[in-house]
Amino acid sequence: MSHAWCLQSSSNGASSAVAVQPGLLLPCGEAGAWDEAGVGHAVVRYFLGDDEQRWFMWYTGRSEACRDMDDIFPSSGSIGVAVSSDGINWRRGSGRIEGSRGPQRSLDVGKVLEPNGDWWWFDTCHMNVADVQILSSSSVSGGTGVYWMFYSGGSFEPVSLPAGMSQARGGWGVCASLDDEGGDLEGLRLRPGLAMSQDGRNWARIEAEHHTGALFDVGKAGEWDELFVGGPQVVAAGPRDMRMYYHSYDRARQRYVVGLATSPDGFKWKKMGPIFEGGSSEADFDARGAATRCVVRDIDTKQYFMFYEAVGADGGRSIGLAVSQDGLRGWRRCPQPVLEGSGVAGAWDEGGVGCPWAVSMAGGKWRLYYSGRAQRGAGAWRGIGMARSVEGGPAFEGGAMQFQRHAAD
C-alpha cells in the first residue's frame, strides 16, 4: 500500500519522514523519544482568543524503557502535551518540557508527568491521562481558574489477572484462555489521581485523602470495580455537581463496565455504582462491555453523549455511542459502532480503535479524536487520529453516528 509522506519536526528542530495515513495526526515518537513505543489517550481542548485558536492535546505515551502494559492498558506510561493552531497539525516534543516562562512558553511541548518516584504513591508503575479542564475552586489559587488533570495511575502491587481480560498469548505467560484465571500482574491496580497547573505544562500532584494519594480507592473484594479505576473523565454538570465517569473490569461478569462517582468540589468523591455495560449478546460489537469513554453534554439537544471504547467478544476494539437525558441513567445504546478499525492492511489503525475524545464544533459538527491499534486485540496504541462527523449523515438520538477519517491535504 502506498502512502504520502510529510516532514514532522522534533523538539530539537530536526525533521523525520512520517507516513501519512487516513485519520493519523500523531504517530509514535522518533527513536529515543519518551513516546517512541506507543501513543494514545488523547484529551483535546481548544480555546478561542481575539484573533486565534489555541489547541492543546494531553496524551499518554511510553518509551521502550517503560513497563509494557499494552495488552491491558495500551501505551500507558507517561503523559505529555502537544499544541496546535488548528487541531490537526501538532507540535510535539521528544523529551521532557523545558519549563519555559515568558514568550517561549507557548512552544514548550513534551513530557509533563511520569510515574512517581515516591514508593507509597498509587502511580509508581505507569499512568495515563483521562481529562484536563480549566476549573475554579475556592480551595485553589483564591478561586482563579487553573488546569485540573484527572488521570489513572498504576502501582507495583501484584494483582491476579482475571479470566477474559487479556487476549494475549504468551505475553506474560499468565493468560492461557478466556476462561482461565491468570497469575499476578504488577500495574493492574489503577487508582484515580489529580494534578493541577497554572499553564497546562508544569503540574503538581494533589495528595488526596486515600493513603496512596489517590482521589479514592478501588472497590472491595467482590465489587465490580475491585480491580482498578480506569479513565476518570469528569463533567462539571452544575454548581456542586461534578461527575466522574470511569470504567473497570467486572471479574464476576467478565466484562468492562462504566460507573459513576459524584463530588461537590472535585476532591471528595462518592461512588454511585455502574451505569452502562454495552451489549447483551455475544454477537454485539460491545459484547464484553465498555471501557474508556468521553461523555459530553450536547449544546443543541442538552443530552449527554457517551462515546465509548467498545470491547468485542474477541477483544477487538471499536467506538460506540450511548445517549442519556440526564447523564445519570437511562443510557440508550446505538446498535452499531460509529467508528471501527480501518481493516486496511498495514494501516496504523487496522486492528481497532478506542480511547475516543469528542469535540463539539460549530453547526452541530463533531470531531472525534481516537487511538489506533495495528493488531486486533493486542499491542500498543500506535497513534492518535481524528474523524469528522458526516454532514447530513445518519444520527442516533440526535447524535452523529457516522464519521469519516481525516484525509491529509
Foldseek 3Di string as FASTA:
>chain_A
DDFDWDWAAAPVGDTDIDGDDFFFQWFADDAPFQANFFKFQWAKDWDDDPPFIKIKIKIAGHHPPADDPCQQPFRFWFIWMWIDRPVRHIHAYRAAFPPDDDPCPSVTIGTQGGADPPQLAAANRTKIWQYKDFAFDCVPPNGHTWIKTKIKGFHQDWDWAAAQRGLDPVPPQFYHHNHDTGGTDGRQAIAMWMWIGRRVRHIDTQQADPRNSGLDHFDDPQAQRNRYWHRFYWDCPDQQWIKTWTWHAGRVVSAIFIFIWTGNGPRHIHTDGTAFFDDPDLPAQQNRGWHRWEWDQDPVPRKIKIWTWGQHNSRFTAIWIWIDNRVRHDTHTDRHALGWFPCDQPDLQNATKGSWHWDQDPPRKIKIKIFGHNHHSGHHRRGIGIWIADVVDDADPSHGRHTGTHDDD
